[in-house]
Amino acid sequence: MSYGDQTLMGEVEVKSSIEDRQALVKRVQEIGGVFVREVAQEDVYFTHPCRDLKERDEALRLRREGSETILTFKGKKAGGMAKVREELEVGVASFKEASAILKRLGFVEGLVVRKRRAVYVVGDVEVSLDSVEGLGEFVEVEAKAAAAGIDTEEGLQLLDCAKLKVFDVADRLGLQRDRLSTASYLELLESASSSSSALR
């Protein structure tokens, strides 16, 4: 979607569950990965009675990471082996106040995703090792592309380039393509919650 001359960000991402975190850390370092930071993240997802975000394959997230708070809108995912979608982010001064504003506008808090994330970079690709509450250990490989519109010719070319970089790093990490997932942690938690409810 294009908004005049505004530069929009698209993300390309794949993830996989992992069994041996330390072995993967070693592999990241072997392919030149540079450690950036380790953080605790709390992601609160919001729903709205007048806009079915799940049905539209969209997401509105308020993330708390240390002293920082980030509000993120994620657009509809494109099909394919990698998750490709529009991503708009803005930093806000206060998690509490931002949450209050959203609630005043009719948004309702939904699921909360909590994780411990160790971030590495391999070139301009970000590799995150995540310990996700209720799900376990995962690796996420992500690249971003900025263009005047992610559905423009320029945007599509940049996203294709980002896909190649993501799969190149995933392959070099030894991740099996048939185990790669485009599901978000929100979707994985929803699926786990539904499965748990069905067994009761």
N, C-alpha and C. Protein backbone atom coordinates (compact mmCIF):
# COMPACT_ATOMS: atom_id res chain seq x y z
N MET A 1 0.84 -1.19 0.00
CA MET A 1 0.00 0.00 0.00
C MET A 1 0.87 1.23 0.00
N SER A 2 0.54 2.21 -0.84
CA SER A 2 1.36 3.40 -0.96
C SER A 2 0.61 4.62 -0.42
N TYR A 3 1.33 5.49 0.27
CA TYR A 3 0.76 6.70 0.83
C TYR A 3 1.58 7.88 0.33
N GLY A 4 1.36 8.28 -0.95
CA GLY A 4 2.07 9.42 -1.48
C GLY A 4 3.56 9.19 -1.48
N ASP A 5 4.29 10.18 -0.95
CA ASP A 5 5.74 10.10 -0.92
C ASP A 5 6.27 9.50 0.37
N GLN A 6 5.37 9.03 1.23
CA GLN A 6 5.80 8.48 2.51
C GLN A 6 6.55 7.18 2.32
N THR A 7 7.66 7.04 3.00
CA THR A 7 8.42 5.80 2.95
C THR A 7 7.80 4.80 3.91
N LEU A 8 7.47 3.62 3.40
CA LEU A 8 6.87 2.57 4.20
C LEU A 8 7.85 1.41 4.37
N MET A 9 7.67 0.68 5.44
CA MET A 9 8.56 -0.43 5.75
C MET A 9 7.84 -1.75 5.57
N GLY A 10 8.52 -2.67 4.89
CA GLY A 10 8.00 -4.02 4.78
C GLY A 10 8.96 -4.96 5.47
N GLU A 11 8.44 -6.03 6.04
CA GLU A 11 9.30 -7.01 6.70
C GLU A 11 9.18 -8.36 6.01
N VAL A 12 10.29 -9.07 5.96
CA VAL A 12 10.34 -10.44 5.44
C VAL A 12 10.91 -11.30 6.56
N GLU A 13 10.19 -12.36 6.91
CA GLU A 13 10.56 -13.09 8.12
C GLU A 13 10.20 -14.56 8.02
N VAL A 14 11.06 -15.40 8.59
CA VAL A 14 10.74 -16.80 8.81
C VAL A 14 11.19 -17.15 10.23
N LYS A 15 10.58 -18.18 10.79
CA LYS A 15 11.01 -18.63 12.11
C LYS A 15 10.96 -20.14 12.18
N SER A 16 11.63 -20.69 13.17
CA SER A 16 11.64 -22.14 13.37
C SER A 16 11.83 -22.44 14.85
N SER A 17 11.18 -23.47 15.30
CA SER A 17 11.44 -23.92 16.67
C SER A 17 12.83 -24.55 16.69
N ILE A 18 13.51 -24.49 17.82
CA ILE A 18 14.86 -25.04 17.93
C ILE A 18 14.97 -25.91 19.17
N GLU A 19 15.86 -26.89 19.11
CA GLU A 19 16.05 -27.80 20.23
C GLU A 19 17.33 -27.50 21.00
N ASP A 20 18.36 -27.03 20.30
CA ASP A 20 19.66 -26.78 20.93
C ASP A 20 20.05 -25.32 20.71
N ARG A 21 19.70 -24.48 21.66
CA ARG A 21 19.96 -23.04 21.53
C ARG A 21 21.45 -22.74 21.43
N GLN A 22 22.25 -23.36 22.28
CA GLN A 22 23.68 -23.06 22.30
C GLN A 22 24.36 -23.45 20.99
N ALA A 23 23.92 -24.57 20.39
CA ALA A 23 24.48 -24.99 19.11
C ALA A 23 24.16 -23.96 18.03
N LEU A 24 22.95 -23.38 18.11
CA LEU A 24 22.58 -22.38 17.11
C LEU A 24 23.33 -21.06 17.33
N VAL A 25 23.56 -20.69 18.59
CA VAL A 25 24.37 -19.51 18.88
C VAL A 25 25.75 -19.68 18.26
N LYS A 26 26.34 -20.85 18.43
CA LYS A 26 27.65 -21.13 17.85
C LYS A 26 27.62 -21.01 16.34
N ARG A 27 26.53 -21.51 15.72
CA ARG A 27 26.43 -21.46 14.27
C ARG A 27 26.27 -20.01 13.78
N VAL A 28 25.50 -19.21 14.52
CA VAL A 28 25.34 -17.80 14.18
C VAL A 28 26.71 -17.11 14.18
N GLN A 29 27.49 -17.39 15.19
CA GLN A 29 28.83 -16.78 15.30
C GLN A 29 29.74 -17.27 14.17
N GLU A 30 29.61 -18.55 13.79
CA GLU A 30 30.45 -19.10 12.74
C GLU A 30 30.20 -18.45 11.38
N ILE A 31 28.98 -18.00 11.14
CA ILE A 31 28.68 -17.38 9.84
C ILE A 31 28.83 -15.86 9.90
N GLY A 32 29.45 -15.37 10.99
CA GLY A 32 29.75 -13.95 11.09
C GLY A 32 28.75 -13.12 11.82
N GLY A 33 27.84 -13.76 12.54
CA GLY A 33 26.84 -13.01 13.29
C GLY A 33 27.46 -12.21 14.42
N VAL A 34 26.97 -10.98 14.59
CA VAL A 34 27.46 -10.08 15.64
C VAL A 34 26.36 -9.87 16.66
N PHE A 35 26.68 -10.12 17.93
CA PHE A 35 25.70 -9.95 19.00
C PHE A 35 25.38 -8.47 19.16
N VAL A 36 24.09 -8.14 19.27
CA VAL A 36 23.64 -6.76 19.42
C VAL A 36 23.12 -6.47 20.82
N ARG A 37 22.19 -7.29 21.28
CA ARG A 37 21.60 -7.04 22.60
C ARG A 37 20.76 -8.24 23.02
N GLU A 38 20.48 -8.30 24.32
CA GLU A 38 19.52 -9.27 24.84
C GLU A 38 18.50 -8.52 25.67
N VAL A 39 17.23 -8.74 25.40
CA VAL A 39 16.17 -7.96 26.03
C VAL A 39 14.98 -8.84 26.39
N ALA A 40 14.20 -8.34 27.33
CA ALA A 40 12.90 -8.94 27.63
C ALA A 40 11.84 -8.10 26.91
N GLN A 41 10.94 -8.76 26.22
CA GLN A 41 9.89 -8.05 25.49
C GLN A 41 8.52 -8.53 25.96
N GLU A 42 7.63 -7.58 26.10
CA GLU A 42 6.22 -7.88 26.40
C GLU A 42 5.38 -7.25 25.31
N ASP A 43 4.70 -8.07 24.54
CA ASP A 43 3.89 -7.60 23.42
C ASP A 43 2.41 -7.77 23.74
N VAL A 44 1.71 -6.66 23.81
CA VAL A 44 0.26 -6.68 24.06
C VAL A 44 -0.44 -6.42 22.73
N TYR A 45 -1.27 -7.36 22.32
CA TYR A 45 -2.02 -7.21 21.07
C TYR A 45 -3.43 -6.73 21.37
N PHE A 46 -3.92 -5.85 20.50
CA PHE A 46 -5.22 -5.24 20.71
C PHE A 46 -6.21 -5.67 19.63
N THR A 47 -7.47 -5.77 20.03
CA THR A 47 -8.56 -6.05 19.10
C THR A 47 -9.53 -4.86 19.15
N HIS A 48 -10.45 -4.81 18.17
CA HIS A 48 -11.43 -3.73 18.14
C HIS A 48 -12.78 -4.29 17.68
N PRO A 49 -13.86 -3.93 18.36
CA PRO A 49 -15.18 -4.50 18.01
C PRO A 49 -15.67 -4.10 16.62
N CYS A 50 -15.14 -2.99 16.07
CA CYS A 50 -15.60 -2.52 14.76
C CYS A 50 -14.65 -2.85 13.62
N ARG A 51 -13.55 -3.50 13.94
CA ARG A 51 -12.59 -3.88 12.90
C ARG A 51 -11.97 -5.21 13.31
N ASP A 52 -12.33 -6.25 12.60
CA ASP A 52 -11.83 -7.59 12.93
C ASP A 52 -10.42 -7.73 12.38
N LEU A 53 -9.43 -7.43 13.22
CA LEU A 53 -8.04 -7.47 12.78
C LEU A 53 -7.61 -8.87 12.39
N LYS A 54 -8.07 -9.87 13.12
CA LYS A 54 -7.70 -11.24 12.81
C LYS A 54 -8.25 -11.65 11.45
N GLU A 55 -9.52 -11.31 11.19
CA GLU A 55 -10.15 -11.65 9.92
C GLU A 55 -9.44 -10.95 8.76
N ARG A 56 -8.95 -9.73 9.01
CA ARG A 56 -8.25 -8.95 7.98
C ARG A 56 -6.76 -9.29 7.91
N ASP A 57 -6.32 -10.21 8.77
CA ASP A 57 -4.91 -10.61 8.83
C ASP A 57 -4.02 -9.41 9.14
N GLU A 58 -4.47 -8.59 10.09
CA GLU A 58 -3.71 -7.43 10.55
C GLU A 58 -3.43 -7.58 12.04
N ALA A 59 -2.54 -6.76 12.56
CA ALA A 59 -2.24 -6.81 13.99
C ALA A 59 -1.85 -5.43 14.48
N LEU A 60 -2.29 -5.12 15.69
CA LEU A 60 -1.90 -3.88 16.36
C LEU A 60 -1.25 -4.28 17.68
N ARG A 61 0.02 -3.89 17.85
CA ARG A 61 0.81 -4.36 18.98
C ARG A 61 1.44 -3.20 19.73
N LEU A 62 1.39 -3.30 21.05
CA LEU A 62 2.11 -2.35 21.90
C LEU A 62 3.19 -3.14 22.62
N ARG A 63 4.46 -2.79 22.33
CA ARG A 63 5.59 -3.55 22.87
C ARG A 63 6.32 -2.75 23.94
N ARG A 64 6.59 -3.44 25.06
CA ARG A 64 7.43 -2.87 26.10
C ARG A 64 8.76 -3.60 26.08
N GLU A 65 9.85 -2.84 25.89
CA GLU A 65 11.19 -3.41 25.83
C GLU A 65 12.10 -2.53 26.69
N GLY A 66 12.33 -2.96 27.93
CA GLY A 66 13.09 -2.12 28.85
C GLY A 66 12.33 -0.83 29.10
N SER A 67 12.99 0.29 28.88
CA SER A 67 12.35 1.59 29.09
C SER A 67 11.66 2.10 27.83
N GLU A 68 11.75 1.34 26.73
CA GLU A 68 11.17 1.76 25.46
C GLU A 68 9.79 1.15 25.24
N THR A 69 8.93 1.91 24.56
CA THR A 69 7.61 1.43 24.16
C THR A 69 7.42 1.72 22.68
N ILE A 70 6.97 0.71 21.93
CA ILE A 70 6.79 0.85 20.49
C ILE A 70 5.39 0.38 20.11
N LEU A 71 4.69 1.21 19.34
CA LEU A 71 3.38 0.86 18.81
C LEU A 71 3.56 0.42 17.37
N THR A 72 3.04 -0.75 17.03
CA THR A 72 3.26 -1.32 15.69
C THR A 72 1.96 -1.78 15.06
N PHE A 73 1.78 -1.41 13.78
CA PHE A 73 0.70 -1.96 12.96
C PHE A 73 1.32 -2.89 11.95
N LYS A 74 0.76 -4.08 11.82
CA LYS A 74 1.23 -5.05 10.83
C LYS A 74 0.09 -5.34 9.85
N GLY A 75 0.40 -5.20 8.56
CA GLY A 75 -0.61 -5.42 7.52
C GLY A 75 -0.78 -6.87 7.14
N LYS A 76 -1.63 -7.09 6.17
CA LYS A 76 -1.95 -8.44 5.70
C LYS A 76 -0.70 -9.12 5.15
N LYS A 77 -0.54 -10.39 5.49
CA LYS A 77 0.62 -11.16 5.02
C LYS A 77 0.42 -11.59 3.57
N ALA A 78 1.51 -11.51 2.80
CA ALA A 78 1.52 -12.07 1.45
C ALA A 78 1.81 -13.55 1.55
N GLY A 79 1.34 -14.32 0.59
CA GLY A 79 1.58 -15.75 0.62
C GLY A 79 3.02 -16.08 0.28
N GLY A 80 3.39 -17.33 0.49
CA GLY A 80 4.74 -17.75 0.16
C GLY A 80 5.44 -18.38 1.34
N MET A 81 6.69 -18.80 1.10
CA MET A 81 7.46 -19.50 2.14
C MET A 81 7.97 -18.56 3.22
N ALA A 82 8.00 -17.23 2.92
CA ALA A 82 8.43 -16.25 3.91
C ALA A 82 7.24 -15.34 4.22
N LYS A 83 7.19 -14.87 5.46
CA LYS A 83 6.15 -13.92 5.83
C LYS A 83 6.56 -12.54 5.34
N VAL A 84 5.74 -11.96 4.47
CA VAL A 84 6.00 -10.63 3.93
C VAL A 84 4.80 -9.76 4.23
N ARG A 85 5.02 -8.65 4.92
CA ARG A 85 3.90 -7.78 5.25
C ARG A 85 4.38 -6.37 5.54
N GLU A 86 3.45 -5.44 5.41
CA GLU A 86 3.74 -4.05 5.76
C GLU A 86 3.89 -3.94 7.27
N GLU A 87 4.82 -3.11 7.71
CA GLU A 87 5.02 -2.89 9.14
C GLU A 87 5.26 -1.40 9.40
N LEU A 88 4.40 -0.79 10.21
CA LEU A 88 4.54 0.61 10.57
C LEU A 88 4.77 0.70 12.07
N GLU A 89 5.81 1.41 12.47
CA GLU A 89 6.16 1.49 13.89
C GLU A 89 6.39 2.93 14.32
N VAL A 90 6.04 3.22 15.56
CA VAL A 90 6.32 4.53 16.13
C VAL A 90 6.64 4.37 17.61
N GLY A 91 7.66 5.05 18.06
CA GLY A 91 7.98 5.03 19.48
C GLY A 91 7.04 5.94 20.24
N VAL A 92 6.62 5.53 21.42
CA VAL A 92 5.76 6.36 22.27
C VAL A 92 6.42 6.51 23.63
N ALA A 93 6.08 7.59 24.32
CA ALA A 93 6.77 7.92 25.57
C ALA A 93 6.36 7.03 26.73
N SER A 94 5.11 6.56 26.73
CA SER A 94 4.61 5.83 27.90
C SER A 94 3.75 4.64 27.47
N PHE A 95 4.11 3.46 27.95
CA PHE A 95 3.31 2.26 27.70
C PHE A 95 1.91 2.44 28.29
N LYS A 96 1.86 2.92 29.52
CA LYS A 96 0.58 3.07 30.22
C LYS A 96 -0.34 4.05 29.51
N GLU A 97 0.20 5.20 29.09
CA GLU A 97 -0.61 6.21 28.44
C GLU A 97 -1.04 5.77 27.05
N ALA A 98 -0.14 5.11 26.32
CA ALA A 98 -0.49 4.62 24.99
C ALA A 98 -1.61 3.59 25.08
N SER A 99 -1.52 2.69 26.06
CA SER A 99 -2.55 1.69 26.26
C SER A 99 -3.88 2.35 26.61
N ALA A 100 -3.84 3.39 27.43
CA ALA A 100 -5.06 4.10 27.82
C ALA A 100 -5.71 4.78 26.62
N ILE A 101 -4.89 5.38 25.73
CA ILE A 101 -5.43 6.03 24.53
C ILE A 101 -6.13 5.01 23.64
N LEU A 102 -5.49 3.87 23.42
CA LEU A 102 -6.09 2.83 22.58
C LEU A 102 -7.42 2.35 23.17
N LYS A 103 -7.46 2.19 24.48
CA LYS A 103 -8.70 1.74 25.12
C LYS A 103 -9.80 2.79 25.03
N ARG A 104 -9.43 4.06 25.09
CA ARG A 104 -10.41 5.14 24.93
C ARG A 104 -11.02 5.11 23.54
N LEU A 105 -10.23 4.63 22.57
CA LEU A 105 -10.70 4.55 21.19
C LEU A 105 -11.46 3.27 20.90
N GLY A 106 -11.66 2.45 21.93
CA GLY A 106 -12.45 1.24 21.78
C GLY A 106 -11.66 -0.03 21.61
N PHE A 107 -10.34 0.06 21.58
CA PHE A 107 -9.52 -1.15 21.47
C PHE A 107 -9.52 -1.91 22.79
N VAL A 108 -9.38 -3.22 22.68
CA VAL A 108 -9.40 -4.10 23.85
C VAL A 108 -8.13 -4.94 23.87
N GLU A 109 -7.52 -5.07 25.04
CA GLU A 109 -6.33 -5.91 25.15
C GLU A 109 -6.67 -7.36 24.85
N GLY A 110 -5.83 -7.99 24.01
CA GLY A 110 -6.00 -9.40 23.71
C GLY A 110 -4.89 -10.22 24.33
N LEU A 111 -4.32 -11.12 23.56
CA LEU A 111 -3.24 -11.95 24.08
C LEU A 111 -1.96 -11.15 24.30
N VAL A 112 -1.17 -11.62 25.24
CA VAL A 112 0.11 -11.01 25.55
C VAL A 112 1.20 -12.04 25.27
N VAL A 113 2.21 -11.63 24.52
CA VAL A 113 3.35 -12.50 24.21
C VAL A 113 4.56 -11.98 24.99
N ARG A 114 5.13 -12.84 25.81
CA ARG A 114 6.31 -12.48 26.59
C ARG A 114 7.48 -13.35 26.16
N LYS A 115 8.61 -12.72 25.93
CA LYS A 115 9.76 -13.49 25.49
C LYS A 115 11.06 -12.81 25.92
N ARG A 116 12.10 -13.64 25.96
CA ARG A 116 13.46 -13.17 26.15
C ARG A 116 14.16 -13.32 24.81
N ARG A 117 14.70 -12.22 24.28
CA ARG A 117 15.25 -12.22 22.91
C ARG A 117 16.72 -11.82 22.90
N ALA A 118 17.54 -12.65 22.25
CA ALA A 118 18.94 -12.32 21.99
C ALA A 118 19.05 -12.01 20.50
N VAL A 119 19.54 -10.81 20.19
CA VAL A 119 19.56 -10.33 18.81
C VAL A 119 20.98 -10.33 18.26
N TYR A 120 21.13 -10.90 17.06
CA TYR A 120 22.38 -10.88 16.32
C TYR A 120 22.10 -10.29 14.94
N VAL A 121 23.15 -9.77 14.29
CA VAL A 121 23.00 -9.34 12.90
C VAL A 121 24.02 -10.08 12.05
N VAL A 122 23.56 -10.53 10.89
CA VAL A 122 24.43 -11.14 9.89
C VAL A 122 24.26 -10.27 8.64
N GLY A 123 25.22 -9.40 8.39
CA GLY A 123 25.04 -8.40 7.34
C GLY A 123 23.92 -7.47 7.74
N ASP A 124 22.89 -7.36 6.89
CA ASP A 124 21.73 -6.54 7.26
C ASP A 124 20.51 -7.41 7.56
N VAL A 125 20.76 -8.67 7.92
CA VAL A 125 19.70 -9.58 8.35
C VAL A 125 19.78 -9.75 9.86
N GLU A 126 18.63 -9.68 10.51
CA GLU A 126 18.57 -9.82 11.96
C GLU A 126 18.18 -11.25 12.33
N VAL A 127 18.95 -11.84 13.22
CA VAL A 127 18.67 -13.18 13.71
C VAL A 127 18.37 -13.07 15.20
N SER A 128 17.17 -13.50 15.59
CA SER A 128 16.76 -13.41 16.99
C SER A 128 16.55 -14.81 17.56
N LEU A 129 17.16 -15.06 18.71
CA LEU A 129 16.94 -16.30 19.43
C LEU A 129 15.98 -15.99 20.56
N ASP A 130 14.81 -16.60 20.51
CA ASP A 130 13.72 -16.25 21.41
C ASP A 130 13.32 -17.39 22.34
N SER A 131 13.19 -17.06 23.61
CA SER A 131 12.57 -17.96 24.58
C SER A 131 11.18 -17.40 24.85
N VAL A 132 10.15 -18.05 24.32
CA VAL A 132 8.80 -17.50 24.34
C VAL A 132 7.96 -18.22 25.39
N GLU A 133 7.40 -17.44 26.29
CA GLU A 133 6.58 -18.00 27.37
C GLU A 133 5.40 -18.77 26.77
N GLY A 134 5.27 -20.03 27.15
CA GLY A 134 4.16 -20.85 26.68
C GLY A 134 4.40 -21.55 25.35
N LEU A 135 5.54 -21.25 24.69
CA LEU A 135 5.82 -21.87 23.39
C LEU A 135 7.16 -22.57 23.34
N GLY A 136 8.20 -21.99 23.97
CA GLY A 136 9.51 -22.61 23.95
C GLY A 136 10.54 -21.79 23.21
N GLU A 137 11.52 -22.49 22.61
CA GLU A 137 12.67 -21.85 21.99
C GLU A 137 12.49 -21.74 20.47
N PHE A 138 12.80 -20.56 19.94
CA PHE A 138 12.66 -20.31 18.50
C PHE A 138 13.82 -19.46 18.00
N VAL A 139 14.03 -19.54 16.68
CA VAL A 139 14.92 -18.60 16.00
C VAL A 139 14.08 -17.89 14.94
N GLU A 140 14.31 -16.60 14.82
CA GLU A 140 13.60 -15.79 13.84
C GLU A 140 14.63 -15.07 12.97
N VAL A 141 14.45 -15.16 11.67
CA VAL A 141 15.36 -14.52 10.71
C VAL A 141 14.56 -13.47 9.95
N GLU A 142 15.04 -12.22 9.99
CA GLU A 142 14.22 -11.12 9.44
C GLU A 142 15.08 -10.10 8.71
N ALA A 143 14.51 -9.58 7.63
CA ALA A 143 15.10 -8.45 6.91
C ALA A 143 13.99 -7.46 6.61
N LYS A 144 14.34 -6.19 6.50
CA LYS A 144 13.36 -5.15 6.23
C LYS A 144 13.68 -4.47 4.91
N ALA A 145 12.63 -3.90 4.29
CA ALA A 145 12.80 -3.16 3.05
C ALA A 145 11.97 -1.89 3.12
N ALA A 146 12.58 -0.75 2.82
CA ALA A 146 11.89 0.53 2.87
C ALA A 146 11.72 1.07 1.46
N ALA A 147 10.48 1.49 1.13
CA ALA A 147 10.21 2.04 -0.20
C ALA A 147 9.02 2.98 -0.10
N ALA A 148 8.74 3.70 -1.18
CA ALA A 148 7.60 4.62 -1.19
C ALA A 148 6.29 3.84 -1.04
N GLY A 149 6.31 2.59 -1.40
CA GLY A 149 5.14 1.72 -1.23
C GLY A 149 5.57 0.30 -1.44
N ILE A 150 5.17 -0.60 -0.56
CA ILE A 150 5.65 -1.98 -0.68
C ILE A 150 4.97 -2.73 -1.82
N ASP A 151 3.91 -2.11 -2.43
CA ASP A 151 3.28 -2.74 -3.58
C ASP A 151 3.70 -2.07 -4.89
N THR A 152 4.69 -1.17 -4.83
CA THR A 152 5.24 -0.56 -6.04
C THR A 152 6.30 -1.49 -6.63
N GLU A 153 6.71 -1.20 -7.86
CA GLU A 153 7.75 -2.02 -8.49
C GLU A 153 9.03 -1.99 -7.66
N GLU A 154 9.38 -0.79 -7.17
CA GLU A 154 10.58 -0.68 -6.33
C GLU A 154 10.42 -1.48 -5.05
N GLY A 155 9.26 -1.35 -4.42
CA GLY A 155 9.03 -2.07 -3.17
C GLY A 155 9.09 -3.57 -3.34
N LEU A 156 8.47 -4.08 -4.42
CA LEU A 156 8.48 -5.52 -4.67
C LEU A 156 9.88 -6.04 -4.93
N GLN A 157 10.68 -5.25 -5.66
CA GLN A 157 12.06 -5.65 -5.92
C GLN A 157 12.87 -5.71 -4.62
N LEU A 158 12.67 -4.72 -3.76
CA LEU A 158 13.39 -4.69 -2.48
C LEU A 158 12.96 -5.85 -1.60
N LEU A 159 11.67 -6.18 -1.62
CA LEU A 159 11.19 -7.31 -0.82
C LEU A 159 11.73 -8.63 -1.35
N ASP A 160 11.81 -8.77 -2.68
CA ASP A 160 12.39 -9.98 -3.25
C ASP A 160 13.86 -10.13 -2.83
N CYS A 161 14.57 -9.00 -2.82
CA CYS A 161 15.98 -9.02 -2.40
C CYS A 161 16.08 -9.42 -0.93
N ALA A 162 15.16 -8.88 -0.11
CA ALA A 162 15.15 -9.21 1.32
C ALA A 162 14.85 -10.70 1.53
N LYS A 163 13.96 -11.26 0.71
CA LYS A 163 13.65 -12.69 0.81
C LYS A 163 14.90 -13.53 0.57
N LEU A 164 15.64 -13.17 -0.49
CA LEU A 164 16.85 -13.92 -0.81
C LEU A 164 17.83 -13.88 0.35
N LYS A 165 17.98 -12.72 0.98
CA LYS A 165 18.90 -12.59 2.11
C LYS A 165 18.44 -13.43 3.29
N VAL A 166 17.14 -13.41 3.57
CA VAL A 166 16.59 -14.18 4.69
C VAL A 166 16.82 -15.67 4.49
N PHE A 167 16.51 -16.19 3.30
CA PHE A 167 16.67 -17.62 3.06
C PHE A 167 18.14 -18.02 2.99
N ASP A 168 18.99 -17.10 2.53
CA ASP A 168 20.42 -17.38 2.51
C ASP A 168 20.94 -17.58 3.93
N VAL A 169 20.56 -16.68 4.84
CA VAL A 169 21.00 -16.80 6.22
C VAL A 169 20.39 -18.03 6.88
N ALA A 170 19.11 -18.28 6.62
CA ALA A 170 18.46 -19.47 7.19
C ALA A 170 19.17 -20.75 6.73
N ASP A 171 19.53 -20.81 5.46
CA ASP A 171 20.24 -21.99 4.94
C ASP A 171 21.61 -22.12 5.60
N ARG A 172 22.31 -21.00 5.74
CA ARG A 172 23.64 -21.04 6.34
C ARG A 172 23.58 -21.43 7.82
N LEU A 173 22.46 -21.17 8.45
CA LEU A 173 22.28 -21.59 9.84
C LEU A 173 21.90 -23.07 9.95
N GLY A 174 21.62 -23.69 8.80
CA GLY A 174 21.25 -25.10 8.81
C GLY A 174 19.79 -25.34 9.13
N LEU A 175 18.96 -24.30 8.99
CA LEU A 175 17.53 -24.47 9.26
C LEU A 175 16.87 -25.20 8.10
N GLN A 176 16.07 -26.20 8.43
CA GLN A 176 15.40 -26.98 7.40
C GLN A 176 14.20 -26.20 6.87
N ARG A 177 14.14 -26.05 5.55
CA ARG A 177 13.08 -25.23 4.97
C ARG A 177 11.69 -25.77 5.26
N ASP A 178 11.56 -27.09 5.35
CA ASP A 178 10.23 -27.65 5.61
C ASP A 178 9.79 -27.45 7.07
N ARG A 179 10.69 -26.92 7.91
CA ARG A 179 10.34 -26.62 9.30
C ARG A 179 10.17 -25.13 9.54
N LEU A 180 10.41 -24.34 8.49
CA LEU A 180 10.26 -22.89 8.64
C LEU A 180 8.78 -22.53 8.70
N SER A 181 8.47 -21.53 9.50
CA SER A 181 7.08 -21.10 9.68
C SER A 181 6.96 -19.61 9.43
N THR A 182 5.80 -19.21 8.90
CA THR A 182 5.49 -17.79 8.73
C THR A 182 4.49 -17.31 9.78
N ALA A 183 4.10 -18.21 10.69
CA ALA A 183 3.13 -17.84 11.73
C ALA A 183 3.78 -16.91 12.75
N SER A 184 3.01 -15.96 13.24
CA SER A 184 3.50 -15.07 14.29
C SER A 184 3.40 -15.79 15.64
N TYR A 185 4.09 -15.26 16.64
CA TYR A 185 3.96 -15.84 17.98
C TYR A 185 2.53 -15.71 18.48
N LEU A 186 1.86 -14.64 18.11
CA LEU A 186 0.45 -14.48 18.46
C LEU A 186 -0.38 -15.63 17.91
N GLU A 187 -0.17 -15.96 16.63
CA GLU A 187 -0.92 -17.05 16.01
C GLU A 187 -0.57 -18.40 16.63
N LEU A 188 0.70 -18.59 16.95
CA LEU A 188 1.11 -19.85 17.58
C LEU A 188 0.51 -20.01 18.97
N LEU A 189 0.44 -18.90 19.72
CA LEU A 189 -0.18 -18.95 21.05
C LEU A 189 -1.68 -19.19 20.95
N GLU A 190 -2.32 -18.55 19.96
CA GLU A 190 -3.76 -18.77 19.76
C GLU A 190 -4.03 -20.23 19.43
N SER A 191 -3.17 -20.80 18.59
CA SER A 191 -3.33 -22.21 18.20
C SER A 191 -3.12 -23.12 19.39
N ALA A 192 -2.09 -22.81 20.20
CA ALA A 192 -1.82 -23.63 21.39
C ALA A 192 -2.95 -23.53 22.39
N SER A 193 -3.53 -22.32 22.52
CA SER A 193 -4.64 -22.12 23.45
C SER A 193 -5.87 -22.87 23.00
N SER A 194 -6.12 -22.88 21.67
CA SER A 194 -7.29 -23.59 21.13
C SER A 194 -7.15 -25.09 21.32
N SER A 195 -5.92 -25.60 21.10
CA SER A 195 -5.66 -27.03 21.27
C SER A 195 -5.84 -27.45 22.72
N SER A 196 -5.35 -26.58 23.63
CA SER A 196 -5.48 -26.87 25.06
C SER A 196 -6.94 -26.89 25.47
N SER A 197 -7.74 -25.95 24.94
CA SER A 197 -9.16 -25.89 25.29
C SER A 197 -9.91 -27.10 24.77
N ALA A 198 -9.51 -27.57 23.58
CA ALA A 198 -10.19 -28.72 22.98
C ALA A 198 -9.96 -29.99 23.77
N LEU A 199 -8.86 -30.06 24.51
CA LEU A 199 -8.55 -31.26 25.28
C LEU A 199 -9.24 -31.28 26.64
N ARG A 200 -9.81 -30.17 27.04
CA ARG A 200 -10.45 -30.12 28.36
C ARG A 200 -11.83 -30.76 28.35
